[in-house]
Structure formats: structure tokens, C-alpha cells
Amino acid sequence: MYKSGDIILVNVQYTDTYEVKKRPGLILYEEFNNYVVAGITSNKNMNGIPLLKSEGAVKNSVIKLNYIFTVSSSMIIKKLFTASTEKKRTVCNEIKKKLIQLK
């Protein structure tokens, strides 16, 4: 139902508490009805890739490549919009750069 590049609203359980919050995220890929997602924040002081209101975001935001998590489809509330092809390419290239550093 959802695909790579979709910006979604998802229930996220924080690792340091039992609290669940609704947060936006970018779907990186789907496998076996689970979605790997990059978190999005409106805190522009965070490192990551800008996601602007002009691209469909509610607020100018940042896609956080240091906050990647997996959710089941039942945790996804709704699709908000789909990132542009260029934005998806930028995210992919930045993730590749980080993974190359692991060598």
C-alpha cells in the first residue's frame, strides 16, 4: 500500500520510554509488510536532509538519517505525500555515503 519515498504519519515508540507518539517519517523500503523509515523532525538544528513546506511538509523539517527504524503497516496512520524523485535520490546518496564509511 505504501512505497519508497512516501512521507507517512506513524506511531513511534521511543526506546527510552513506553511512550508512543505520532511522528512523520520517510519510507526507505518495504519488506514482508514491514517498513524501514527515516524519522523527520521540525527541529532545523538537527543534522539531515532538508524537507521544505514547498515540497509538501507541514513545516520546514529535516529527514534524519541517524534515526532509522522499522514499523509494521499497522503502525502507519496515513500517507501525507510523496517525496520528489530528486529528494529520494538525495536521501539514497547520503545513506550510501554513510554506509561506505563502515568499510
Protein backbone atom coordinates (compact mmCIF):
# COMPACT_ATOMS: atom_id res chain seq x y z
CA MET A 1 0.00 0.00 0.00
CA TYR A 2 2.88 2.38 0.78
CA LYS A 3 6.06 2.73 -1.24
CA SER A 4 9.58 4.06 -1.05
CA GLY A 5 9.55 7.84 -0.90
CA ASP A 6 6.18 8.16 0.81
CA ILE A 7 6.09 10.56 3.74
CA ILE A 8 3.87 8.99 6.38
CA LEU A 9 2.46 9.71 9.82
CA VAL A 10 3.38 6.80 12.07
CA ASN A 11 3.06 5.75 15.71
CA VAL A 12 6.61 5.55 17.09
CA GLN A 13 7.53 4.04 20.45
CA TYR A 14 10.55 5.73 21.93
CA THR A 15 13.36 3.48 23.14
CA ASP A 16 13.87 5.31 26.42
CA THR A 17 10.18 5.29 27.47
CA TYR A 18 6.98 3.37 26.80
CA GLU A 19 5.50 6.48 25.27
CA VAL A 20 4.11 6.31 21.73
CA LYS A 21 3.91 9.47 19.64
CA LYS A 22 2.70 10.30 16.16
CA ARG A 23 5.64 11.35 14.03
CA PRO A 24 6.32 11.85 10.32
CA GLY A 25 8.76 9.59 8.53
CA LEU A 26 10.10 8.80 5.07
CA ILE A 27 9.67 5.23 3.88
CA LEU A 28 13.02 3.92 2.65
CA TYR A 29 11.76 0.46 1.69
CA GLU A 30 9.21 -2.24 2.47
CA GLU A 31 9.81 -5.93 3.05
CA PHE A 32 7.40 -8.54 4.42
CA ASN A 33 4.83 -5.88 5.36
CA ASN A 34 7.39 -4.02 7.48
CA TYR A 35 8.64 -0.58 6.55
CA VAL A 36 12.11 0.85 7.14
CA VAL A 37 11.63 4.53 7.87
CA ALA A 38 13.83 7.60 8.36
CA GLY A 39 12.45 9.92 11.03
CA ILE A 40 11.56 13.52 10.26
CA THR A 41 11.80 16.42 12.69
CA SER A 42 10.81 20.08 12.52
CA ASN A 43 13.92 20.90 14.61
CA LYS A 44 16.01 22.55 11.90
CA ASN A 45 19.10 22.41 14.15
CA MET A 46 19.28 18.64 13.62
CA ASN A 47 21.58 17.14 11.00
CA GLY A 48 19.96 15.65 7.94
CA ILE A 49 18.35 16.47 4.65
CA PRO A 50 16.02 19.49 4.47
CA LEU A 51 12.35 18.83 3.68
CA LEU A 52 10.56 22.08 2.94
CA LYS A 53 6.99 23.31 3.08
CA SER A 54 7.23 23.96 -0.65
CA GLU A 55 7.81 20.19 -1.07
CA GLY A 56 4.67 19.30 0.88
CA ALA A 57 5.82 19.30 4.52
CA VAL A 58 3.58 20.96 7.12
CA LYS A 59 6.66 22.79 8.46
CA ASN A 60 10.19 23.15 7.18
CA SER A 61 11.78 19.97 8.51
CA VAL A 62 14.79 17.64 8.40
CA ILE A 63 14.96 13.99 7.32
CA LYS A 64 17.18 12.43 9.99
CA LEU A 65 19.46 9.76 8.55
CA ASN A 66 20.71 8.99 12.06
CA TYR A 67 17.21 7.94 13.15
CA ILE A 68 16.11 4.93 11.10
CA PHE A 69 13.60 2.43 12.43
CA THR A 70 11.25 -0.36 11.33
CA VAL A 71 7.48 -0.30 11.72
CA SER A 72 4.70 -2.68 10.78
CA SER A 73 1.98 -1.50 8.46
CA SER A 74 -0.45 -1.40 11.41
CA MET A 75 1.61 1.42 12.99
CA ILE A 76 1.18 3.69 9.95
CA ILE A 77 -1.65 6.16 10.40
CA LYS A 78 -1.68 7.66 6.91
CA LYS A 79 0.33 8.82 3.93
CA LEU A 80 0.97 12.56 3.91
CA PHE A 81 2.61 12.99 0.49
CA THR A 82 5.36 11.52 -1.70
CA ALA A 83 8.86 12.98 -1.86
CA SER A 84 10.15 14.11 -5.23
CA THR A 85 12.42 11.88 -7.28
CA GLU A 86 15.29 14.29 -6.60
CA LYS A 87 14.69 14.18 -2.82
CA LYS A 88 14.60 10.36 -2.88
CA ARG A 89 17.86 10.36 -4.86
CA THR A 90 19.49 12.73 -2.35
CA VAL A 91 18.43 10.54 0.60
CA CYS A 92 19.72 7.41 -1.14
CA ASN A 93 23.08 9.01 -1.96
CA GLU A 94 23.56 10.28 1.60
CA ILE A 95 22.75 6.85 3.07
CA LYS A 96 25.24 5.26 0.67
CA LYS A 97 27.93 7.69 1.83
CA LYS A 98 27.30 6.74 5.46
CA LEU A 99 27.40 3.03 4.70
CA ILE A 100 30.65 3.34 2.75
CA GLN A 101 32.22 4.83 5.89
CA LEU A 102 31.64 1.45 7.59
CA LYS A 103 34.35 -0.20 5.48
